[in-house]
Amino acid sequence: MKTRARTRKVLAADNGDNQVGVVKQDTEVSPRCRIELVYSRRGKKSEPVIDVTGSVTNSLPCYLSDMSRKVQSKRKRKSDDEEELCKPREKLDSGLFGEYLEKIWRSFSEEKRRRCTYFDSLWFSLYRRASCKEKVLTWIKKAHIFSKAYVFVPIVCWGHWSLLIFCHFGESAQTNTRSRCMLLLDSLAMANPRRLEPEIRRFVLDIYQAADRPETKKIVSRIPLLIPKVPQQKDGNECGNFVLYFIKLFLSHAPDDFSTEGYPYFMKKDWFNHEDLGRFLERLDSMG
């Protein structure tokens, strides 16, 4: 039996825990697709949770939290003002992330929004579950991504957030000014974001096939997956905030036509600093 998620909240069904997930828009959701949030709402930091991938994580949203205190103690002490800007923030779950992303999206002009779209932050994780795969591909098909210049795909795996961007996925041939490619922005390079590549390519191939596109596995294997060296997080609570800021800055500065010839454009280690991120989050909190 299917139920309609009108409130955007979907209760976990795997083990009866009081955790919730969020599914975008009014859409039918099979009980088998009801999942746990990646993040625990129980309050006990030491209590492990099972995320949407089936992996056991601690209750912090990013396993950088397990970094030894000895390494963390070597960081340079910030001034009082910097500490205020960079103080630890509330951990992001998929619901809060979605609310912030909608605020960011509304802040841009209609013309810019027409050229881009984004996936719900749980879609990639849901896709990885065999019982939900076809439903996710149906949702994506309705998003008409092949008419968009850029598609933002938030990814939550192993308790960590990263951002995948599809560039010019409707293009069938590469030109000097426009390249069909993928970008993977990760604020925790030590986690080896390249390990997601096999699943990303399966995801992309299924998206093309679900839309009856001519792209084959061989063609998908040749789409570049670029991983720029972007600013890095310093604690276990920041990865979701970094993804939000990546989206904000990319929307602000991305060229009309993305080309691998111009890569990495603005996406460099000095793209922004933690004070910039802190000010962005303060403004985000104050937005209606």
C-alpha atoms as a PDB file:
ATOM      1  CA  MET A   1       0.000   0.000   0.000  1.00  0.00           C
ATOM      2  CA  LYS A   2       1.226   3.501  -0.823  1.00  0.00           C
ATOM      3  CA  THR A   3       0.771   6.646   1.213  1.00  0.00           C
ATOM      4  CA  ARG A   4       0.939  10.285   0.100  1.00  0.00           C
ATOM      5  CA  ALA A   5       3.596  12.452   1.747  1.00  0.00           C
ATOM      6  CA  ARG A   6       1.848  15.821   1.952  1.00  0.00           C
ATOM      7  CA  THR A   7       3.726  17.149   4.974  1.00  0.00           C
ATOM      8  CA  ARG A   8       7.157  16.212   3.529  1.00  0.00           C
ATOM      9  CA  LYS A   9       7.816  14.085   6.634  1.00  0.00           C
ATOM     10  CA  VAL A  10       8.097  10.306   6.310  1.00  0.00           C
ATOM     11  CA  LEU A  11       8.407   8.111   9.397  1.00  0.00           C
ATOM     12  CA  ALA A  12      11.163   5.525   9.496  1.00  0.00           C
ATOM     13  CA  ALA A  13       9.893   2.033   8.801  1.00  0.00           C
ATOM     14  CA  ASP A  14      12.991  -0.128   9.091  1.00  0.00           C
ATOM     15  CA  ASN A  15      13.080  -0.551  12.853  1.00  0.00           C
ATOM     16  CA  GLY A  16      10.372   1.662  14.357  1.00  0.00           C
ATOM     17  CA  ASP A  17      12.728   4.319  15.715  1.00  0.00           C
ATOM     18  CA  ASN A  18      11.485   7.891  16.073  1.00  0.00           C
ATOM     19  CA  GLN A  19      13.496   9.219  13.174  1.00  0.00           C
ATOM     20  CA  VAL A  20      12.188  10.942  10.082  1.00  0.00           C
ATOM     21  CA  GLY A  21      13.215  11.482   6.487  1.00  0.00           C
ATOM     22  CA  VAL A  22      12.090  14.042   3.940  1.00  0.00           C
ATOM     23  CA  VAL A  23      10.861  13.350   0.426  1.00  0.00           C
ATOM     24  CA  LYS A  24      10.460  16.256  -1.970  1.00  0.00           C
ATOM     25  CA  GLN A  25       7.007  17.402  -3.092  1.00  0.00           C
ATOM     26  CA  ASP A  26       3.628  15.698  -2.781  1.00  0.00           C
ATOM     27  CA  THR A  27       4.476  12.248  -4.018  1.00  0.00           C
ATOM     28  CA  GLU A  28       3.500   8.656  -3.413  1.00  0.00           C
ATOM     29  CA  VAL A  29       5.924   6.783  -1.206  1.00  0.00           C
ATOM     30  CA  SER A  30       6.007   3.034  -0.800  1.00  0.00           C
ATOM     31  CA  PRO A  31       6.407   1.829   2.810  1.00  0.00           C
ATOM     32  CA  ARG A  32       9.533   0.018   1.679  1.00  0.00           C
ATOM     33  CA  CYS A  33      10.992   3.372   0.709  1.00  0.00           C
ATOM     34  CA  ARG A  34      10.453   4.891   4.128  1.00  0.00           C
ATOM     35  CA  ILE A  35      13.917   5.303   5.518  1.00  0.00           C
ATOM     36  CA  GLU A  36      15.883   6.537   8.465  1.00  0.00           C
ATOM     37  CA  LEU A  37      17.573   9.893   8.472  1.00  0.00           C
ATOM     38  CA  VAL A  38      21.322   9.816   8.296  1.00  0.00           C
ATOM     39  CA  TYR A  39      21.453  11.762  11.499  1.00  0.00           C
ATOM     40  CA  SER A  40      20.254  10.609  14.890  1.00  0.00           C
ATOM     41  CA  ARG A  41      17.695  12.717  16.740  1.00  0.00           C
ATOM     42  CA  ARG A  42      18.099  10.693  19.937  1.00  0.00           C
ATOM     43  CA  GLY A  43      20.580  12.995  21.595  1.00  0.00           C
ATOM     44  CA  LYS A  44      23.069  10.339  22.742  1.00  0.00           C
ATOM     45  CA  LYS A  45      26.214  11.064  20.775  1.00  0.00           C
ATOM     46  CA  SER A  46      27.699   7.642  21.451  1.00  0.00           C
ATOM     47  CA  GLU A  47      24.706   5.715  20.150  1.00  0.00           C
ATOM     48  CA  PRO A  48      25.272   4.392  16.619  1.00  0.00           C
ATOM     49  CA  VAL A  49      22.662   4.765  13.898  1.00  0.00           C
ATOM     50  CA  ILE A  50      22.155   3.040  10.567  1.00  0.00           C
ATOM     51  CA  ASP A  51      22.113   5.504   7.689  1.00  0.00           C
ATOM     52  CA  VAL A  52      20.282   5.229   4.388  1.00  0.00           C
ATOM     53  CA  THR A  53      23.164   3.247   2.910  1.00  0.00           C
ATOM     54  CA  GLY A  54      22.922   0.598   5.614  1.00  0.00           C
ATOM     55  CA  SER A  55      26.258   1.690   7.058  1.00  0.00           C
ATOM     56  CA  VAL A  56      26.672   2.151  10.804  1.00  0.00           C
ATOM     57  CA  THR A  57      27.722   5.674  11.753  1.00  0.00           C
ATOM     58  CA  ASN A  58      27.908   7.604  14.970  1.00  0.00           C
ATOM     59  CA  SER A  59      25.308  10.276  15.648  1.00  0.00           C
ATOM     60  CA  LEU A  60      27.479  13.078  14.290  1.00  0.00           C
ATOM     61  CA  PRO A  61      26.807  13.960  10.647  1.00  0.00           C
ATOM     62  CA  CYS A  62      30.359  13.525   9.431  1.00  0.00           C
ATOM     63  CA  TYR A  63      32.980  11.031  10.529  1.00  0.00           C
ATOM     64  CA  LEU A  64      35.583  13.780  10.668  1.00  0.00           C
ATOM     65  CA  SER A  65      34.204  14.018  14.212  1.00  0.00           C
ATOM     66  CA  ASP A  66      36.291  10.947  15.008  1.00  0.00           C
ATOM     67  CA  MET A  67      39.538  12.725  14.190  1.00  0.00           C
ATOM     68  CA  SER A  68      41.918  12.502  17.130  1.00  0.00           C
ATOM     69  CA  ARG A  69      41.926  15.414  19.556  1.00  0.00           C
ATOM     70  CA  LYS A  70      45.680  15.537  19.200  1.00  0.00           C
ATOM     71  CA  VAL A  71      45.395  16.520  15.538  1.00  0.00           C
ATOM     72  CA  GLN A  72      42.670  19.043  16.274  1.00  0.00           C
ATOM     73  CA  SER A  73      44.711  20.647  19.051  1.00  0.00           C
ATOM     74  CA  LYS A  74      47.366  21.673  16.517  1.00  0.00           C
ATOM     75  CA  ARG A  75      45.038  24.108  14.803  1.00  0.00           C
ATOM     76  CA  LYS A  76      45.850  27.752  15.183  1.00  0.00           C
ATOM     77  CA  ARG A  77      43.742  29.526  17.821  1.00  0.00           C
ATOM     78  CA  LYS A  78      41.293  32.001  16.279  1.00  0.00           C
ATOM     79  CA  SER A  79      40.535  35.494  17.549  1.00  0.00           C
ATOM     80  CA  ASP A  80      37.335  36.085  19.542  1.00  0.00           C
ATOM     81  CA  ASP A  81      35.597  37.517  16.464  1.00  0.00           C
ATOM     82  CA  GLU A  82      36.561  34.544  14.335  1.00  0.00           C
ATOM     83  CA  GLU A  83      35.392  32.157  17.031  1.00  0.00           C
ATOM     84  CA  GLU A  84      31.984  33.843  17.031  1.00  0.00           C
ATOM     85  CA  LEU A  85      31.648  33.507  13.256  1.00  0.00           C
ATOM     86  CA  CYS A  86      32.899  29.930  13.177  1.00  0.00           C
ATOM     87  CA  LYS A  87      31.235  28.548  16.307  1.00  0.00           C
ATOM     88  CA  PRO A  88      29.696  25.061  15.949  1.00  0.00           C
ATOM     89  CA  ARG A  89      26.225  25.103  14.441  1.00  0.00           C
ATOM     90  CA  GLU A  90      23.214  22.841  14.545  1.00  0.00           C
ATOM     91  CA  LYS A  91      23.734  19.579  12.710  1.00  0.00           C
ATOM     92  CA  LEU A  92      21.929  19.498   9.378  1.00  0.00           C
ATOM     93  CA  ASP A  93      19.368  16.804   8.701  1.00  0.00           C
ATOM     94  CA  SER A  94      17.714  16.474   5.306  1.00  0.00           C
ATOM     95  CA  GLY A  95      14.677  18.522   6.359  1.00  0.00           C
ATOM     96  CA  LEU A  96      16.669  21.515   7.591  1.00  0.00           C
ATOM     97  CA  PHE A  97      18.981  21.271   4.591  1.00  0.00           C
ATOM     98  CA  GLY A  98      15.951  21.404   2.285  1.00  0.00           C
ATOM     99  CA  GLU A  99      14.565  24.490   4.019  1.00  0.00           C
ATOM    100  CA  TYR A 100      17.887  26.322   3.688  1.00  0.00           C
ATOM    101  CA  LEU A 101      18.272  25.291   0.056  1.00  0.00           C
ATOM    102  CA  GLU A 102      14.819  26.648  -0.770  1.00  0.00           C
ATOM    103  CA  LYS A 103      15.814  29.983   0.782  1.00  0.00           C
ATOM    104  CA  ILE A 104      18.944  30.086  -1.354  1.00  0.00           C
ATOM    105  CA  TRP A 105      16.985  29.174  -4.474  1.00  0.00           C
ATOM    106  CA  ARG A 106      14.416  31.942  -3.936  1.00  0.00           C
ATOM    107  CA  SER A 107      17.191  34.516  -3.614  1.00  0.00           C
ATOM    108  CA  PHE A 108      18.115  34.132  -7.301  1.00  0.00           C
ATOM    109  CA  SER A 109      16.319  35.571 -10.299  1.00  0.00           C
ATOM    110  CA  GLU A 110      13.728  33.543 -12.159  1.00  0.00           C
ATOM    111  CA  GLU A 111      15.926  33.617 -15.253  1.00  0.00           C
ATOM    112  CA  LYS A 112      18.819  31.976 -13.399  1.00  0.00           C
ATOM    113  CA  ARG A 113      16.550  29.417 -11.736  1.00  0.00           C
ATOM    114  CA  ARG A 114      15.120  28.381 -15.108  1.00  0.00           C
ATOM    115  CA  ARG A 115      18.568  27.266 -16.245  1.00  0.00           C
ATOM    116  CA  CYS A 116      19.167  25.055 -13.215  1.00  0.00           C
ATOM    117  CA  THR A 117      17.426  22.583 -10.953  1.00  0.00           C
ATOM    118  CA  TYR A 118      18.243  20.453  -7.925  1.00  0.00           C
ATOM    119  CA  PHE A 119      17.410  17.030  -6.515  1.00  0.00           C
ATOM    120  CA  ASP A 120      16.105  16.341  -3.046  1.00  0.00           C
ATOM    121  CA  SER A 121      18.988  15.459  -0.721  1.00  0.00           C
ATOM    122  CA  LEU A 122      17.656  11.924  -0.159  1.00  0.00           C
ATOM    123  CA  TRP A 123      17.185  10.917  -3.789  1.00  0.00           C
ATOM    124  CA  PHE A 124      20.691   9.552  -4.335  1.00  0.00           C
ATOM    125  CA  SER A 125      20.564   7.517  -1.136  1.00  0.00           C
ATOM    126  CA  LEU A 126      17.081   6.235  -1.963  1.00  0.00           C
ATOM    127  CA  TYR A 127      18.262   5.252  -5.434  1.00  0.00           C
ATOM    128  CA  ARG A 128      20.854   2.972  -3.851  1.00  0.00           C
ATOM    129  CA  ARG A 129      18.042   0.908  -2.302  1.00  0.00           C
ATOM    130  CA  ALA A 130      16.667  -1.626  -4.768  1.00  0.00           C
ATOM    131  CA  SER A 131      13.108  -1.173  -3.476  1.00  0.00           C
ATOM    132  CA  CYS A 132      13.168   2.578  -4.198  1.00  0.00           C
ATOM    133  CA  LYS A 133      15.300   2.802  -7.332  1.00  0.00           C
ATOM    134  CA  GLU A 134      12.490   2.917  -9.907  1.00  0.00           C
ATOM    135  CA  LYS A 135      10.498   5.460  -7.908  1.00  0.00           C
ATOM    136  CA  VAL A 136      13.498   7.805  -7.721  1.00  0.00           C
ATOM    137  CA  LEU A 137      14.129   7.509 -11.458  1.00  0.00           C
ATOM    138  CA  THR A 138      10.469   8.405 -12.062  1.00  0.00           C
ATOM    139  CA  TRP A 139      10.823  11.543  -9.926  1.00  0.00           C
ATOM    140  CA  ILE A 140      13.982  12.523 -11.807  1.00  0.00           C
ATOM    141  CA  LYS A 141      12.336  11.995 -15.194  1.00  0.00           C
ATOM    142  CA  LYS A 142       9.679  14.534 -14.216  1.00  0.00           C
ATOM    143  CA  ALA A 143      12.386  17.102 -13.401  1.00  0.00           C
ATOM    144  CA  HIS A 144      13.323  17.559 -17.105  1.00  0.00           C
ATOM    145  CA  ILE A 145      17.012  17.815 -16.314  1.00  0.00           C
ATOM    146  CA  PHE A 146      18.170  17.615 -19.946  1.00  0.00           C
ATOM    147  CA  SER A 147      16.897  21.121 -20.623  1.00  0.00           C
ATOM    148  CA  LYS A 148      18.991  22.537 -17.762  1.00  0.00           C
ATOM    149  CA  ALA A 149      22.540  23.848 -17.848  1.00  0.00           C
ATOM    150  CA  TYR A 150      23.239  22.680 -14.303  1.00  0.00           C
ATOM    151  CA  VAL A 151      21.665  20.123 -11.982  1.00  0.00           C
ATOM    152  CA  PHE A 152      22.641  20.092  -8.292  1.00  0.00           C
ATOM    153  CA  VAL A 153      22.641  16.668  -6.641  1.00  0.00           C
ATOM    154  CA  PRO A 154      23.301  16.755  -2.873  1.00  0.00           C
ATOM    155  CA  ILE A 155      24.728  13.420  -1.736  1.00  0.00           C
ATOM    156  CA  VAL A 156      24.637  11.975   1.766  1.00  0.00           C
ATOM    157  CA  CYS A 157      26.745   8.829   2.161  1.00  0.00           C
ATOM    158  CA  TRP A 158      28.433   7.364   5.217  1.00  0.00           C
ATOM    159  CA  GLY A 159      27.151  10.264   7.301  1.00  0.00           C
ATOM    160  CA  HIS A 160      28.883  12.840   5.071  1.00  0.00           C
ATOM    161  CA  TRP A 161      27.524  15.478   2.658  1.00  0.00           C
ATOM    162  CA  SER A 162      29.031  16.264  -0.744  1.00  0.00           C
ATOM    163  CA  LEU A 163      27.725  17.941  -3.899  1.00  0.00           C
ATOM    164  CA  LEU A 164      27.476  16.451  -7.379  1.00  0.00           C
ATOM    165  CA  ILE A 165      26.741  18.813 -10.281  1.00  0.00           C
ATOM    166  CA  PHE A 166      25.618  17.675 -13.730  1.00  0.00           C
ATOM    167  CA  CYS A 167      26.765  20.142 -16.379  1.00  0.00           C
ATOM    168  CA  HIS A 168      25.012  20.300 -19.778  1.00  0.00           C
ATOM    169  CA  PHE A 169      23.612  16.775 -19.535  1.00  0.00           C
ATOM    170  CA  GLY A 170      21.312  17.433 -22.459  1.00  0.00           C
ATOM    171  CA  GLU A 171      24.274  17.899 -24.806  1.00  0.00           C
ATOM    172  CA  SER A 172      25.167  14.969 -27.043  1.00  0.00           C
ATOM    173  CA  ALA A 173      28.506  16.321 -28.230  1.00  0.00           C
ATOM    174  CA  GLN A 174      31.261  18.366 -26.629  1.00  0.00           C
ATOM    175  CA  THR A 175      32.282  21.718 -28.102  1.00  0.00           C
ATOM    176  CA  ASN A 176      35.057  24.165 -27.257  1.00  0.00           C
ATOM    177  CA  THR A 177      32.645  26.317 -25.267  1.00  0.00           C
ATOM    178  CA  ARG A 178      30.328  23.738 -23.668  1.00  0.00           C
ATOM    179  CA  SER A 179      31.233  20.387 -22.095  1.00  0.00           C
ATOM    180  CA  ARG A 180      29.013  17.657 -20.745  1.00  0.00           C
ATOM    181  CA  CYS A 181      30.687  16.729 -17.482  1.00  0.00           C
ATOM    182  CA  MET A 182      30.186  16.144 -13.768  1.00  0.00           C
ATOM    183  CA  LEU A 183      31.653  18.028 -10.830  1.00  0.00           C
ATOM    184  CA  LEU A 184      32.018  16.497  -7.375  1.00  0.00           C
ATOM    185  CA  LEU A 185      32.627  19.092  -4.664  1.00  0.00           C
ATOM    186  CA  ASP A 186      33.723  17.624  -1.339  1.00  0.00           C
ATOM    187  CA  SER A 187      34.857  19.517   1.758  1.00  0.00           C
ATOM    188  CA  LEU A 188      36.570  16.376   3.093  1.00  0.00           C
ATOM    189  CA  ALA A 189      39.102  15.281   0.494  1.00  0.00           C
ATOM    190  CA  MET A 190      40.683  12.868   2.965  1.00  0.00           C
ATOM    191  CA  ALA A 191      37.523  10.759   2.658  1.00  0.00           C
ATOM    192  CA  ASN A 192      38.434   9.983  -0.984  1.00  0.00           C
ATOM    193  CA  PRO A 193      35.370  11.261  -2.878  1.00  0.00           C
ATOM    194  CA  ARG A 194      36.501   9.304  -5.967  1.00  0.00           C
ATOM    195  CA  ARG A 195      35.189   6.129  -4.318  1.00  0.00           C
ATOM    196  CA  LEU A 196      31.657   7.304  -5.164  1.00  0.00           C
ATOM    197  CA  GLU A 197      32.410   7.249  -8.890  1.00  0.00           C
ATOM    198  CA  PRO A 198      31.134   3.715  -9.711  1.00  0.00           C
ATOM    199  CA  GLU A 199      27.766   4.404  -8.084  1.00  0.00           C
ATOM    200  CA  ILE A 200      27.524   7.874  -9.630  1.00  0.00           C
ATOM    201  CA  ARG A 201      28.057   6.438 -13.103  1.00  0.00           C
ATOM    202  CA  ARG A 202      25.429   3.727 -12.539  1.00  0.00           C
ATOM    203  CA  PHE A 203      23.075   6.445 -11.357  1.00  0.00           C
ATOM    204  CA  VAL A 204      23.730   8.561 -14.447  1.00  0.00           C
ATOM    205  CA  LEU A 205      23.319   5.620 -16.836  1.00  0.00           C
ATOM    206  CA  ASP A 206      19.976   4.722 -15.242  1.00  0.00           C
ATOM    207  CA  ILE A 207      18.822   8.347 -15.516  1.00  0.00           C
ATOM    208  CA  TYR A 208      19.586   8.379 -19.239  1.00  0.00           C
ATOM    209  CA  GLN A 209      17.938   4.994 -19.812  1.00  0.00           C
ATOM    210  CA  ALA A 210      14.823   5.944 -17.819  1.00  0.00           C
ATOM    211  CA  ALA A 211      14.447   8.963 -20.118  1.00  0.00           C
ATOM    212  CA  ASP A 212      14.869   6.786 -23.247  1.00  0.00           C
ATOM    213  CA  ARG A 213      18.031   8.625 -24.177  1.00  0.00           C
ATOM    214  CA  PRO A 214      20.578   7.026 -26.556  1.00  0.00           C
ATOM    215  CA  GLU A 215      23.521   7.232 -24.132  1.00  0.00           C
ATOM    216  CA  THR A 216      25.155   3.845 -23.537  1.00  0.00           C
ATOM    217  CA  LYS A 217      27.323   2.592 -20.689  1.00  0.00           C
ATOM    218  CA  LYS A 218      30.394   3.316 -22.813  1.00  0.00           C
ATOM    219  CA  ILE A 219      29.318   6.899 -23.436  1.00  0.00           C
ATOM    220  CA  VAL A 220      28.553   7.469 -19.741  1.00  0.00           C
ATOM    221  CA  SER A 221      31.969   6.066 -18.801  1.00  0.00           C
ATOM    222  CA  ARG A 222      33.554   8.838 -20.883  1.00  0.00           C
ATOM    223  CA  ILE A 223      31.722  11.735 -19.228  1.00  0.00           C
ATOM    224  CA  PRO A 224      34.414  13.471 -17.171  1.00  0.00           C
ATOM    225  CA  LEU A 225      33.985  13.409 -13.395  1.00  0.00           C
ATOM    226  CA  LEU A 226      35.994  16.381 -12.142  1.00  0.00           C
ATOM    227  CA  ILE A 227      36.876  16.836  -8.471  1.00  0.00           C
ATOM    228  CA  PRO A 228      38.192  20.362  -7.872  1.00  0.00           C
ATOM    229  CA  LYS A 229      40.316  21.192  -4.838  1.00  0.00           C
ATOM    230  CA  VAL A 230      37.860  23.266  -2.838  1.00  0.00           C
ATOM    231  CA  PRO A 231      38.054  24.706   0.712  1.00  0.00           C
ATOM    232  CA  GLN A 232      38.006  22.045   3.416  1.00  0.00           C
ATOM    233  CA  GLN A 233      35.984  21.684   6.594  1.00  0.00           C
ATOM    234  CA  LYS A 234      37.582  21.723  10.028  1.00  0.00           C
ATOM    235  CA  ASP A 235      35.109  19.797  12.130  1.00  0.00           C
ATOM    236  CA  GLY A 236      32.423  17.137  11.846  1.00  0.00           C
ATOM    237  CA  ASN A 237      29.412  19.443  11.690  1.00  0.00           C
ATOM    238  CA  GLU A 238      30.307  21.525   8.643  1.00  0.00           C
ATOM    239  CA  CYS A 239      29.892  19.328   5.559  1.00  0.00           C
ATOM    240  CA  GLY A 240      26.201  20.094   4.993  1.00  0.00           C
ATOM    241  CA  ASN A 241      26.845  23.818   5.382  1.00  0.00           C
ATOM    242  CA  PHE A 242      29.670  23.601   2.859  1.00  0.00           C
ATOM    243  CA  VAL A 243      27.318  21.984   0.326  1.00  0.00           C
ATOM    244  CA  LEU A 244      24.822  24.822   0.761  1.00  0.00           C
ATOM    245  CA  TYR A 245      27.568  27.407   0.244  1.00  0.00           C
ATOM    246  CA  PHE A 246      28.922  25.527  -2.774  1.00  0.00           C
ATOM    247  CA  ILE A 247      25.466  25.763  -4.366  1.00  0.00           C
ATOM    248  CA  LYS A 248      25.102  29.454  -3.503  1.00  0.00           C
ATOM    249  CA  LEU A 249      28.500  30.421  -4.919  1.00  0.00           C
ATOM    250  CA  PHE A 250      28.242  28.200  -7.977  1.00  0.00           C
ATOM    251  CA  LEU A 251      24.864  29.696  -8.889  1.00  0.00           C
ATOM    252  CA  SER A 252      26.347  33.165  -8.435  1.00  0.00           C
ATOM    253  CA  HIS A 253      29.448  32.674 -10.577  1.00  0.00           C
ATOM    254  CA  ALA A 254      28.961  29.749 -12.969  1.00  0.00           C
ATOM    255  CA  PRO A 255      29.398  30.627 -16.653  1.00  0.00           C
ATOM    256  CA  ASP A 256      26.490  30.235 -19.044  1.00  0.00           C
ATOM    257  CA  ASP A 257      28.522  27.593 -20.856  1.00  0.00           C
ATOM    258  CA  PHE A 258      30.736  25.345 -18.728  1.00  0.00           C
ATOM    259  CA  SER A 259      33.807  23.999 -20.526  1.00  0.00           C
ATOM    260  CA  THR A 260      36.525  21.658 -19.343  1.00  0.00           C
ATOM    261  CA  GLU A 261      38.929  24.044 -21.089  1.00  0.00           C
ATOM    262  CA  GLY A 262      38.177  26.655 -18.418  1.00  0.00           C
ATOM    263  CA  TYR A 263      38.151  24.222 -15.486  1.00  0.00           C
ATOM    264  CA  PRO A 264      38.436  24.700 -12.512  1.00  0.00           C
ATOM    265  CA  TYR A 265      37.222  28.287 -12.986  1.00  0.00           C
ATOM    266  CA  PHE A 266      36.617  29.719  -9.486  1.00  0.00           C
ATOM    267  CA  MET A 267      36.599  26.338  -7.694  1.00  0.00           C
ATOM    268  CA  LYS A 268      39.963  26.470  -5.943  1.00  0.00           C
ATOM    269  CA  LYS A 269      41.365  26.061  -2.445  1.00  0.00           C
ATOM    270  CA  ASP A 270      41.099  29.811  -1.839  1.00  0.00           C
ATOM    271  CA  TRP A 271      37.527  30.049  -3.227  1.00  0.00           C
ATOM    272  CA  PHE A 272      36.356  31.209   0.216  1.00  0.00           C
ATOM    273  CA  ASN A 273      37.411  31.008   3.847  1.00  0.00           C
ATOM    274  CA  HIS A 274      35.649  29.999   7.042  1.00  0.00           C
ATOM    275  CA  GLU A 275      34.771  33.583   7.882  1.00  0.00           C
ATOM    276  CA  ASP A 276      32.972  33.887   4.521  1.00  0.00           C
ATOM    277  CA  LEU A 277      31.094  30.673   5.289  1.00  0.00           C
ATOM    278  CA  GLY A 278      30.142  31.940   8.730  1.00  0.00           C
ATOM    279  CA  ARG A 279      28.753  35.198   7.368  1.00  0.00           C
ATOM    280  CA  PHE A 280      26.794  33.288   4.716  1.00  0.00           C
ATOM    281  CA  LEU A 281      25.189  31.096   7.384  1.00  0.00           C
ATOM    282  CA  GLU A 282      24.295  34.111   9.495  1.00  0.00           C
ATOM    283  CA  ARG A 283      22.561  35.707   6.510  1.00  0.00           C
ATOM    284  CA  LEU A 284      20.831  32.419   5.723  1.00  0.00           C
ATOM    285  CA  ASP A 285      19.422  32.253   9.242  1.00  0.00           C
ATOM    286  CA  SER A 286      18.023  35.782   8.911  1.00  0.00           C
ATOM    287  CA  MET A 287      16.323  35.176   5.564  1.00  0.00           C
ATOM    288  CA  GLY A 288      12.536  34.830   5.605  1.00  0.00           C
END
